[in-house]
Amino acid sequence: MRIAKDVRFRRKERILRGISLEIEGMIAISGPNGSGKSTLAMILAGLRRPHKGEVLVDGGDPKGKVYLAFQDARLLDISVREYLELVGSEDFLEVLDVRRVLDKNARRLSIGRKKRVHLQAAYGGRHRYVILDEPEAGIDSLDIVIEAIKAIKQRKTLVVISHEPEIISLADEAYRLFNGRLLKYEKAR
């Protein structure tokens, strides 16, 4: 699947410089803070438009086709049950232990619980394409995140933004975003 072709984005300075990317299976993206990883995630999900280039998912606009779990774990001001219904999540990944908070307000959960809800939505939701922006941040067990990512990877095309070597090692391909460019690198298996 081609998802990005010659994507460029600029604020005061150029953040992304001609990124082209095809995604099969799972890819991991790492890079220094402020390098544009979250901006790239929003562009790939269709929530921001690149200044140049195009993003295509299944030959068209990515908006509505990609589930993005934000780094800051933002959720809507509705119950967890309502949120999961909204994204079409029916299958539960038991390791995430989300059933116990179904009637709680999603926005009022701890960051760790919000991250679990995002992982649940990514696993069980209707979107075929998923972007997880630093899914390990705020969750007390890396093992739970790794188990969830392995399960999601079996069902979805997956982009994971992470600094965690154990998560990066799960990817079929790994990239580093540096100076606005996406550099492919070999990772130790």
N, C-alpha and C. Protein backbone atom coordinates (compact mmCIF):
# COMPACT_ATOMS: atom_id res chain seq x y z
N MET A 1 0.85 -1.18 0.00
CA MET A 1 0.00 0.00 0.00
C MET A 1 0.89 1.24 0.00
N ARG A 2 0.69 2.11 -0.96
CA ARG A 2 1.41 3.39 -0.92
C ARG A 2 0.61 4.31 -0.03
N ILE A 3 1.29 4.91 0.94
CA ILE A 3 0.57 5.79 1.85
C ILE A 3 1.07 7.23 1.74
N ALA A 4 2.32 7.43 1.38
CA ALA A 4 2.82 8.80 1.29
C ALA A 4 3.76 8.92 0.10
N LYS A 5 3.64 10.05 -0.60
CA LYS A 5 4.53 10.31 -1.72
C LYS A 5 5.00 11.75 -1.66
N ASP A 6 6.29 11.93 -1.46
CA ASP A 6 6.95 13.24 -1.46
C ASP A 6 6.25 14.24 -0.53
N VAL A 7 5.96 13.80 0.69
CA VAL A 7 5.26 14.65 1.67
C VAL A 7 6.24 15.66 2.27
N ARG A 8 5.80 16.91 2.25
CA ARG A 8 6.58 18.00 2.85
C ARG A 8 5.66 18.81 3.74
N PHE A 9 6.19 19.26 4.87
CA PHE A 9 5.40 20.06 5.80
C PHE A 9 6.31 21.12 6.41
N ARG A 10 5.76 22.31 6.60
CA ARG A 10 6.55 23.43 7.10
C ARG A 10 5.75 24.20 8.13
N ARG A 11 6.41 24.57 9.22
CA ARG A 11 5.86 25.57 10.14
C ARG A 11 6.75 26.78 9.93
N LYS A 12 7.53 27.14 10.94
CA LYS A 12 8.51 28.21 10.72
C LYS A 12 9.66 27.68 9.88
N GLU A 13 10.06 26.46 10.18
CA GLU A 13 11.11 25.81 9.39
C GLU A 13 10.51 24.55 8.77
N ARG A 14 11.21 23.99 7.83
CA ARG A 14 10.72 22.78 7.18
C ARG A 14 10.84 21.62 8.16
N ILE A 15 9.74 20.93 8.40
CA ILE A 15 9.73 19.81 9.33
C ILE A 15 9.89 18.48 8.60
N LEU A 16 9.14 18.29 7.53
CA LEU A 16 9.22 17.06 6.75
C LEU A 16 9.69 17.40 5.35
N ARG A 17 10.64 16.62 4.82
CA ARG A 17 11.27 16.93 3.54
C ARG A 17 11.16 15.76 2.57
N GLY A 18 10.11 15.73 1.81
CA GLY A 18 10.01 14.73 0.73
C GLY A 18 9.93 13.30 1.20
N ILE A 19 9.06 13.00 2.14
CA ILE A 19 8.94 11.64 2.66
C ILE A 19 8.04 10.82 1.74
N SER A 20 8.56 9.68 1.31
CA SER A 20 7.78 8.71 0.54
C SER A 20 7.83 7.40 1.30
N LEU A 21 6.70 6.73 1.37
CA LEU A 21 6.60 5.57 2.23
C LEU A 21 5.54 4.62 1.71
N GLU A 22 5.87 3.35 1.66
CA GLU A 22 4.88 2.30 1.40
C GLU A 22 4.88 1.40 2.63
N ILE A 23 3.69 1.02 3.06
CA ILE A 23 3.59 0.26 4.30
C ILE A 23 2.96 -1.09 4.03
N GLU A 24 3.66 -2.11 4.46
CA GLU A 24 3.16 -3.48 4.46
C GLU A 24 3.40 -4.01 5.87
N GLY A 25 2.42 -4.62 6.47
CA GLY A 25 2.60 -5.18 7.80
C GLY A 25 2.74 -4.09 8.84
N MET A 26 3.87 -4.07 9.54
CA MET A 26 4.12 -3.09 10.59
C MET A 26 5.43 -2.37 10.34
N ILE A 27 5.39 -1.05 10.46
CA ILE A 27 6.64 -0.28 10.44
C ILE A 27 6.76 0.46 11.77
N ALA A 28 7.99 0.74 12.15
CA ALA A 28 8.27 1.52 13.35
C ALA A 28 9.03 2.78 12.92
N ILE A 29 8.71 3.88 13.58
CA ILE A 29 9.39 5.14 13.32
C ILE A 29 9.89 5.68 14.66
N SER A 30 11.17 5.99 14.71
CA SER A 30 11.75 6.62 15.89
C SER A 30 12.39 7.93 15.45
N GLY A 31 12.93 8.65 16.39
CA GLY A 31 13.59 9.91 16.08
C GLY A 31 13.60 10.81 17.29
N PRO A 32 14.43 11.83 17.25
CA PRO A 32 14.53 12.73 18.40
C PRO A 32 13.22 13.49 18.65
N ASN A 33 13.06 13.95 19.87
CA ASN A 33 11.91 14.80 20.20
C ASN A 33 11.90 16.01 19.29
N GLY A 34 10.72 16.37 18.82
CA GLY A 34 10.59 17.55 17.96
C GLY A 34 10.97 17.32 16.51
N SER A 35 11.22 16.07 16.12
CA SER A 35 11.66 15.80 14.75
C SER A 35 10.50 15.73 13.75
N GLY A 36 9.25 15.73 14.24
CA GLY A 36 8.11 15.71 13.34
C GLY A 36 7.36 14.39 13.29
N LYS A 37 7.65 13.49 14.21
CA LYS A 37 6.99 12.18 14.20
C LYS A 37 5.48 12.30 14.37
N SER A 38 5.04 13.08 15.34
CA SER A 38 3.59 13.24 15.56
C SER A 38 2.94 14.00 14.41
N THR A 39 3.65 14.96 13.84
CA THR A 39 3.14 15.67 12.66
C THR A 39 2.96 14.71 11.50
N LEU A 40 3.94 13.84 11.29
CA LEU A 40 3.84 12.84 10.24
C LEU A 40 2.65 11.92 10.49
N ALA A 41 2.45 11.52 11.75
CA ALA A 41 1.30 10.67 12.09
C ALA A 41 -0.01 11.35 11.73
N MET A 42 -0.15 12.62 12.06
CA MET A 42 -1.39 13.34 11.74
C MET A 42 -1.59 13.49 10.24
N ILE A 43 -0.51 13.67 9.50
CA ILE A 43 -0.61 13.76 8.04
C ILE A 43 -1.01 12.40 7.46
N LEU A 44 -0.40 11.31 7.94
CA LEU A 44 -0.73 9.98 7.44
C LEU A 44 -2.18 9.61 7.74
N ALA A 45 -2.71 10.13 8.86
CA ALA A 45 -4.10 9.84 9.23
C ALA A 45 -5.09 10.79 8.57
N GLY A 46 -4.60 11.79 7.83
CA GLY A 46 -5.49 12.72 7.15
C GLY A 46 -6.01 13.84 8.03
N LEU A 47 -5.40 14.04 9.20
CA LEU A 47 -5.83 15.10 10.10
C LEU A 47 -5.11 16.42 9.84
N ARG A 48 -4.03 16.37 9.09
CA ARG A 48 -3.32 17.55 8.60
C ARG A 48 -3.01 17.31 7.14
N ARG A 49 -2.94 18.37 6.39
CA ARG A 49 -2.59 18.27 4.97
C ARG A 49 -1.13 18.64 4.80
N PRO A 50 -0.40 17.89 3.98
CA PRO A 50 0.98 18.29 3.70
C PRO A 50 0.99 19.54 2.83
N HIS A 51 2.04 20.31 2.91
CA HIS A 51 2.17 21.48 2.05
C HIS A 51 2.49 21.07 0.62
N LYS A 52 3.10 19.90 0.49
CA LYS A 52 3.40 19.36 -0.83
C LYS A 52 3.33 17.85 -0.73
N GLY A 53 3.02 17.21 -1.84
CA GLY A 53 2.95 15.76 -1.88
C GLY A 53 1.54 15.28 -1.60
N GLU A 54 1.39 13.97 -1.49
CA GLU A 54 0.07 13.41 -1.27
C GLU A 54 0.15 12.21 -0.34
N VAL A 55 -0.95 11.96 0.32
CA VAL A 55 -1.11 10.77 1.15
C VAL A 55 -2.34 10.04 0.63
N LEU A 56 -2.16 8.80 0.27
CA LEU A 56 -3.26 7.98 -0.25
C LEU A 56 -3.37 6.70 0.56
N VAL A 57 -4.57 6.35 0.93
CA VAL A 57 -4.85 5.08 1.57
C VAL A 57 -5.94 4.41 0.74
N ASP A 58 -5.64 3.24 0.25
CA ASP A 58 -6.55 2.54 -0.67
C ASP A 58 -6.92 3.43 -1.85
N GLY A 59 -5.96 4.21 -2.33
CA GLY A 59 -6.15 5.04 -3.51
C GLY A 59 -6.86 6.36 -3.28
N GLY A 60 -7.17 6.70 -2.03
CA GLY A 60 -7.90 7.94 -1.77
C GLY A 60 -7.48 8.61 -0.48
N ASP A 61 -8.28 9.57 -0.08
CA ASP A 61 -8.04 10.35 1.13
C ASP A 61 -7.98 9.43 2.35
N PRO A 62 -6.99 9.61 3.21
CA PRO A 62 -6.87 8.73 4.38
C PRO A 62 -7.89 9.03 5.49
N LYS A 63 -8.51 10.20 5.46
CA LYS A 63 -9.42 10.58 6.54
C LYS A 63 -10.53 9.54 6.71
N GLY A 64 -10.68 9.08 7.93
CA GLY A 64 -11.70 8.08 8.24
C GLY A 64 -11.26 6.64 8.01
N LYS A 65 -10.09 6.44 7.39
CA LYS A 65 -9.60 5.10 7.11
C LYS A 65 -8.51 4.66 8.07
N VAL A 66 -7.96 5.61 8.82
CA VAL A 66 -6.81 5.36 9.68
C VAL A 66 -7.18 5.70 11.12
N TYR A 67 -6.92 4.78 12.04
CA TYR A 67 -7.12 5.06 13.46
C TYR A 67 -5.80 5.56 14.02
N LEU A 68 -5.81 6.75 14.62
CA LEU A 68 -4.62 7.34 15.22
C LEU A 68 -4.80 7.40 16.73
N ALA A 69 -3.93 6.70 17.45
CA ALA A 69 -3.89 6.77 18.91
C ALA A 69 -2.84 7.82 19.26
N PHE A 70 -3.30 8.98 19.67
CA PHE A 70 -2.42 10.11 19.94
C PHE A 70 -1.45 9.84 21.08
N GLN A 71 -0.29 10.46 20.99
CA GLN A 71 0.74 10.35 22.01
C GLN A 71 0.23 10.80 23.37
N ASP A 72 -0.57 11.85 23.40
CA ASP A 72 -1.07 12.39 24.67
C ASP A 72 -2.35 11.69 25.13
N ALA A 73 -2.75 10.64 24.45
CA ALA A 73 -3.88 9.78 24.83
C ALA A 73 -5.21 10.51 24.90
N ARG A 74 -5.41 11.52 24.08
CA ARG A 74 -6.68 12.25 24.13
C ARG A 74 -7.84 11.36 23.69
N LEU A 75 -8.93 11.50 24.41
CA LEU A 75 -10.16 10.77 24.11
C LEU A 75 -11.34 11.72 24.23
N LEU A 76 -12.47 11.30 23.71
CA LEU A 76 -13.68 12.13 23.75
C LEU A 76 -14.30 12.12 25.15
N ASP A 77 -15.15 13.08 25.42
CA ASP A 77 -15.82 13.22 26.71
C ASP A 77 -17.10 12.38 26.72
N ILE A 78 -16.92 11.07 26.56
CA ILE A 78 -18.02 10.10 26.56
C ILE A 78 -17.53 8.87 27.32
N SER A 79 -18.41 7.92 27.57
CA SER A 79 -17.98 6.71 28.27
C SER A 79 -17.06 5.89 27.37
N VAL A 80 -16.26 5.05 28.00
CA VAL A 80 -15.38 4.16 27.25
C VAL A 80 -16.22 3.26 26.34
N ARG A 81 -17.34 2.77 26.83
CA ARG A 81 -18.23 1.94 26.02
C ARG A 81 -18.67 2.69 24.76
N GLU A 82 -19.10 3.94 24.93
CA GLU A 82 -19.55 4.74 23.79
C GLU A 82 -18.40 4.99 22.80
N TYR A 83 -17.20 5.23 23.33
CA TYR A 83 -16.05 5.46 22.46
C TYR A 83 -15.75 4.20 21.63
N LEU A 84 -15.73 3.06 22.29
CA LEU A 84 -15.43 1.82 21.58
C LEU A 84 -16.52 1.48 20.56
N GLU A 85 -17.77 1.79 20.88
CA GLU A 85 -18.85 1.60 19.90
C GLU A 85 -18.66 2.53 18.70
N LEU A 86 -18.22 3.76 18.98
CA LEU A 86 -17.99 4.75 17.92
C LEU A 86 -16.95 4.26 16.91
N VAL A 87 -15.89 3.62 17.38
CA VAL A 87 -14.84 3.13 16.48
C VAL A 87 -15.10 1.70 16.02
N GLY A 88 -16.22 1.13 16.45
CA GLY A 88 -16.60 -0.20 15.99
C GLY A 88 -15.86 -1.33 16.68
N SER A 89 -15.35 -1.08 17.88
CA SER A 89 -14.58 -2.11 18.59
C SER A 89 -15.51 -3.08 19.29
N GLU A 90 -15.46 -4.34 18.88
CA GLU A 90 -16.30 -5.36 19.49
C GLU A 90 -15.47 -6.46 20.14
N ASP A 91 -14.39 -6.87 19.49
CA ASP A 91 -13.50 -7.89 20.05
C ASP A 91 -12.64 -7.27 21.14
N PHE A 92 -12.60 -7.94 22.29
CA PHE A 92 -11.78 -7.42 23.38
C PHE A 92 -10.48 -8.19 23.49
N LEU A 93 -9.39 -7.46 23.69
CA LEU A 93 -8.09 -8.04 23.96
C LEU A 93 -7.96 -8.05 25.48
N GLU A 94 -8.12 -9.22 26.09
CA GLU A 94 -8.25 -9.32 27.55
C GLU A 94 -7.06 -8.76 28.31
N VAL A 95 -5.86 -8.84 27.75
CA VAL A 95 -4.67 -8.35 28.45
C VAL A 95 -4.78 -6.85 28.77
N LEU A 96 -5.60 -6.12 28.02
CA LEU A 96 -5.74 -4.67 28.22
C LEU A 96 -6.68 -4.33 29.38
N ASP A 97 -7.51 -5.28 29.80
CA ASP A 97 -8.38 -5.11 30.96
C ASP A 97 -9.25 -3.85 30.84
N VAL A 98 -9.85 -3.66 29.68
CA VAL A 98 -10.67 -2.46 29.42
C VAL A 98 -12.12 -2.65 29.89
N ARG A 99 -12.58 -3.87 29.95
CA ARG A 99 -13.98 -4.11 30.34
C ARG A 99 -14.33 -3.48 31.69
N ARG A 100 -13.39 -3.42 32.59
CA ARG A 100 -13.69 -2.90 33.93
C ARG A 100 -13.91 -1.39 33.97
N VAL A 101 -13.58 -0.69 32.88
CA VAL A 101 -13.79 0.77 32.86
C VAL A 101 -14.79 1.19 31.78
N LEU A 102 -15.56 0.25 31.26
CA LEU A 102 -16.48 0.56 30.16
C LEU A 102 -17.47 1.68 30.48
N ASP A 103 -17.90 1.79 31.72
CA ASP A 103 -18.89 2.81 32.07
C ASP A 103 -18.27 4.09 32.60
N LYS A 104 -16.95 4.17 32.63
CA LYS A 104 -16.25 5.38 33.08
C LYS A 104 -16.14 6.38 31.92
N ASN A 105 -16.01 7.65 32.28
CA ASN A 105 -15.79 8.70 31.28
C ASN A 105 -14.38 8.55 30.72
N ALA A 106 -14.28 8.40 29.42
CA ALA A 106 -12.98 8.15 28.78
C ALA A 106 -11.99 9.29 29.01
N ARG A 107 -12.46 10.51 28.98
CA ARG A 107 -11.58 11.66 29.13
C ARG A 107 -11.00 11.77 30.55
N ARG A 108 -11.68 11.20 31.52
CA ARG A 108 -11.27 11.34 32.92
C ARG A 108 -10.38 10.20 33.41
N LEU A 109 -10.08 9.25 32.56
CA LEU A 109 -9.22 8.14 32.95
C LEU A 109 -7.77 8.60 33.09
N SER A 110 -6.96 7.83 33.80
CA SER A 110 -5.53 8.10 33.86
C SER A 110 -4.94 7.92 32.45
N ILE A 111 -3.77 8.46 32.23
CA ILE A 111 -3.13 8.32 30.91
C ILE A 111 -2.91 6.84 30.57
N GLY A 112 -2.49 6.05 31.54
CA GLY A 112 -2.28 4.62 31.30
C GLY A 112 -3.55 3.92 30.86
N ARG A 113 -4.66 4.22 31.51
CA ARG A 113 -5.96 3.63 31.12
C ARG A 113 -6.39 4.12 29.74
N LYS A 114 -6.17 5.41 29.46
CA LYS A 114 -6.52 5.94 28.13
C LYS A 114 -5.72 5.21 27.06
N LYS A 115 -4.45 4.97 27.32
CA LYS A 115 -3.61 4.26 26.35
C LYS A 115 -4.16 2.86 26.10
N ARG A 116 -4.63 2.20 27.17
CA ARG A 116 -5.22 0.87 27.01
C ARG A 116 -6.49 0.94 26.16
N VAL A 117 -7.30 1.98 26.36
CA VAL A 117 -8.51 2.14 25.55
C VAL A 117 -8.12 2.34 24.08
N HIS A 118 -7.09 3.14 23.82
CA HIS A 118 -6.62 3.33 22.44
C HIS A 118 -6.14 2.01 21.83
N LEU A 119 -5.39 1.24 22.60
CA LEU A 119 -4.92 -0.05 22.09
C LEU A 119 -6.11 -0.97 21.81
N GLN A 120 -7.12 -0.93 22.69
CA GLN A 120 -8.33 -1.73 22.46
C GLN A 120 -9.03 -1.30 21.18
N ALA A 121 -9.17 0.01 20.99
CA ALA A 121 -9.82 0.53 19.78
C ALA A 121 -9.03 0.15 18.53
N ALA A 122 -7.71 0.19 18.63
CA ALA A 122 -6.87 -0.19 17.50
C ALA A 122 -7.03 -1.68 17.19
N TYR A 123 -7.11 -2.50 18.21
CA TYR A 123 -7.25 -3.95 18.03
C TYR A 123 -8.62 -4.34 17.50
N GLY A 124 -9.67 -3.84 18.13
CA GLY A 124 -11.01 -4.30 17.81
C GLY A 124 -11.81 -3.41 16.89
N GLY A 125 -11.29 -2.23 16.57
CA GLY A 125 -12.04 -1.27 15.75
C GLY A 125 -12.10 -1.63 14.29
N ARG A 126 -12.92 -0.90 13.56
CA ARG A 126 -13.17 -1.20 12.14
C ARG A 126 -12.06 -0.72 11.21
N HIS A 127 -11.16 0.12 11.67
CA HIS A 127 -10.10 0.65 10.80
C HIS A 127 -9.07 -0.43 10.47
N ARG A 128 -8.73 -0.53 9.20
CA ARG A 128 -7.70 -1.48 8.75
C ARG A 128 -6.29 -0.96 8.97
N TYR A 129 -6.18 0.35 9.12
CA TYR A 129 -4.88 0.99 9.25
C TYR A 129 -4.83 1.70 10.60
N VAL A 130 -3.72 1.49 11.32
CA VAL A 130 -3.59 2.01 12.68
C VAL A 130 -2.24 2.69 12.83
N ILE A 131 -2.25 3.84 13.51
CA ILE A 131 -1.01 4.52 13.90
C ILE A 131 -1.04 4.65 15.41
N LEU A 132 0.00 4.14 16.06
CA LEU A 132 0.14 4.25 17.51
C LEU A 132 1.33 5.18 17.79
N ASP A 133 1.05 6.34 18.37
CA ASP A 133 2.09 7.33 18.66
C ASP A 133 2.53 7.15 20.12
N GLU A 134 3.69 6.55 20.29
CA GLU A 134 4.29 6.25 21.60
C GLU A 134 3.31 5.54 22.53
N PRO A 135 2.86 4.35 22.13
CA PRO A 135 1.85 3.63 22.91
C PRO A 135 2.33 3.21 24.29
N GLU A 136 3.63 3.13 24.48
CA GLU A 136 4.18 2.69 25.77
C GLU A 136 4.20 3.79 26.83
N ALA A 137 4.09 5.04 26.41
CA ALA A 137 4.18 6.16 27.36
C ALA A 137 2.98 6.15 28.30
N GLY A 138 3.26 6.09 29.59
CA GLY A 138 2.20 6.16 30.58
C GLY A 138 1.61 4.82 30.99
N ILE A 139 2.00 3.73 30.35
CA ILE A 139 1.52 2.41 30.75
C ILE A 139 2.61 1.76 31.60
N ASP A 140 2.20 1.22 32.72
CA ASP A 140 3.17 0.68 33.67
C ASP A 140 3.79 -0.65 33.27
N SER A 141 3.27 -1.31 32.24
CA SER A 141 3.82 -2.60 31.83
C SER A 141 4.11 -2.62 30.34
N LEU A 142 5.38 -2.62 30.00
CA LEU A 142 5.78 -2.71 28.59
C LEU A 142 5.31 -4.04 28.00
N ASP A 143 5.28 -5.10 28.81
CA ASP A 143 4.84 -6.41 28.32
C ASP A 143 3.41 -6.36 27.79
N ILE A 144 2.52 -5.61 28.46
CA ILE A 144 1.14 -5.48 28.00
C ILE A 144 1.10 -4.79 26.64
N VAL A 145 1.88 -3.73 26.48
CA VAL A 145 1.92 -3.00 25.22
C VAL A 145 2.44 -3.90 24.11
N ILE A 146 3.49 -4.63 24.38
CA ILE A 146 4.08 -5.52 23.38
C ILE A 146 3.08 -6.60 22.97
N GLU A 147 2.38 -7.19 23.94
CA GLU A 147 1.39 -8.21 23.62
C GLU A 147 0.26 -7.63 22.77
N ALA A 148 -0.17 -6.41 23.11
CA ALA A 148 -1.23 -5.75 22.34
C ALA A 148 -0.76 -5.46 20.91
N ILE A 149 0.45 -4.95 20.76
CA ILE A 149 0.98 -4.64 19.42
C ILE A 149 1.08 -5.91 18.59
N LYS A 150 1.55 -6.99 19.18
CA LYS A 150 1.62 -8.26 18.44
C LYS A 150 0.24 -8.68 17.94
N ALA A 151 -0.78 -8.51 18.79
CA ALA A 151 -2.14 -8.88 18.40
C ALA A 151 -2.68 -7.96 17.31
N ILE A 152 -2.43 -6.66 17.44
CA ILE A 152 -2.90 -5.68 16.43
C ILE A 152 -2.22 -5.96 15.10
N LYS A 153 -0.93 -6.24 15.16
CA LYS A 153 -0.15 -6.51 13.94
C LYS A 153 -0.73 -7.68 13.14
N GLN A 154 -1.33 -8.64 13.80
CA GLN A 154 -1.93 -9.78 13.11
C GLN A 154 -3.19 -9.40 12.33
N ARG A 155 -3.80 -8.24 12.68
CA ARG A 155 -5.08 -7.85 12.10
C ARG A 155 -5.02 -6.62 11.20
N LYS A 156 -4.05 -5.75 11.42
CA LYS A 156 -4.05 -4.41 10.81
C LYS A 156 -2.72 -4.09 10.17
N THR A 157 -2.74 -3.10 9.28
CA THR A 157 -1.51 -2.46 8.82
C THR A 157 -1.18 -1.43 9.89
N LEU A 158 0.05 -1.44 10.37
CA LEU A 158 0.37 -0.74 11.61
C LEU A 158 1.63 0.12 11.48
N VAL A 159 1.51 1.36 11.95
CA VAL A 159 2.65 2.26 12.10
C VAL A 159 2.77 2.54 13.59
N VAL A 160 3.95 2.28 14.16
CA VAL A 160 4.18 2.55 15.57
C VAL A 160 5.33 3.54 15.69
N ILE A 161 5.07 4.63 16.38
CA ILE A 161 6.10 5.61 16.69
C ILE A 161 6.57 5.33 18.10
N SER A 162 7.85 5.06 18.25
CA SER A 162 8.35 4.65 19.56
C SER A 162 9.85 4.87 19.66
N HIS A 163 10.31 5.04 20.91
CA HIS A 163 11.75 5.07 21.20
C HIS A 163 12.18 3.75 21.82
N GLU A 164 11.22 2.88 22.08
CA GLU A 164 11.46 1.64 22.82
C GLU A 164 12.01 0.55 21.89
N PRO A 165 13.27 0.10 22.11
CA PRO A 165 13.86 -0.92 21.23
C PRO A 165 13.05 -2.21 21.13
N GLU A 166 12.41 -2.64 22.22
CA GLU A 166 11.63 -3.88 22.18
C GLU A 166 10.41 -3.74 21.26
N ILE A 167 9.85 -2.56 21.18
CA ILE A 167 8.71 -2.33 20.28
C ILE A 167 9.21 -2.22 18.85
N ILE A 168 10.28 -1.48 18.64
CA ILE A 168 10.85 -1.33 17.29
C ILE A 168 11.22 -2.69 16.70
N SER A 169 11.70 -3.60 17.55
CA SER A 169 12.11 -4.92 17.06
C SER A 169 10.94 -5.76 16.54
N LEU A 170 9.70 -5.38 16.87
CA LEU A 170 8.52 -6.10 16.38
C LEU A 170 8.19 -5.76 14.92
N ALA A 171 8.72 -4.64 14.44
CA ALA A 171 8.35 -4.13 13.12
C ALA A 171 9.00 -4.92 11.99
N ASP A 172 8.30 -4.92 10.85
CA ASP A 172 8.86 -5.52 9.64
C ASP A 172 9.94 -4.61 9.04
N GLU A 173 9.74 -3.30 9.18
CA GLU A 173 10.72 -2.31 8.73
C GLU A 173 10.77 -1.20 9.78
N ALA A 174 11.96 -0.62 9.95
CA ALA A 174 12.13 0.45 10.93
C ALA A 174 12.78 1.65 10.27
N TYR A 175 12.35 2.83 10.70
CA TYR A 175 12.83 4.09 10.14
C TYR A 175 13.17 5.04 11.28
N ARG A 176 14.04 5.98 10.97
CA ARG A 176 14.37 7.06 11.90
C ARG A 176 14.08 8.37 11.19
N LEU A 177 13.30 9.23 11.84
CA LEU A 177 13.00 10.55 11.29
C LEU A 177 14.05 11.50 11.82
N PHE A 178 14.84 12.07 10.91
CA PHE A 178 15.94 12.94 11.32
C PHE A 178 16.12 14.03 10.27
N ASN A 179 16.18 15.27 10.71
CA ASN A 179 16.33 16.43 9.81
C ASN A 179 15.30 16.40 8.68
N GLY A 180 14.08 16.00 9.01
CA GLY A 180 13.00 16.04 8.04
C GLY A 180 12.95 14.89 7.07
N ARG A 181 13.88 13.96 7.20
CA ARG A 181 13.93 12.82 6.28
C ARG A 181 13.69 11.52 7.04
N LEU A 182 13.07 10.58 6.37
CA LEU A 182 12.81 9.27 6.93
C LEU A 182 13.90 8.33 6.43
N LEU A 183 14.73 7.87 7.34
CA LEU A 183 15.87 7.01 7.00
C LEU A 183 15.60 5.59 7.44
N LYS A 184 15.67 4.66 6.52
CA LYS A 184 15.47 3.25 6.85
C LYS A 184 16.72 2.74 7.54
N TYR A 185 16.52 1.95 8.58
CA TYR A 185 17.70 1.36 9.21
C TYR A 185 17.46 -0.10 9.53
N GLU A 186 18.58 -0.78 9.61
CA GLU A 186 18.53 -2.21 9.97
C GLU A 186 18.50 -2.28 11.49
N LYS A 187 17.67 -3.14 11.98
CA LYS A 187 17.57 -3.30 13.42
C LYS A 187 18.02 -4.69 13.82
N ALA A 188 18.51 -4.81 15.00
CA ALA A 188 18.95 -6.12 15.50
C ALA A 188 17.74 -6.99 15.79
N ARG A 189 17.77 -8.21 15.41
CA ARG A 189 16.67 -9.15 15.70
C ARG A 189 17.11 -10.12 16.75
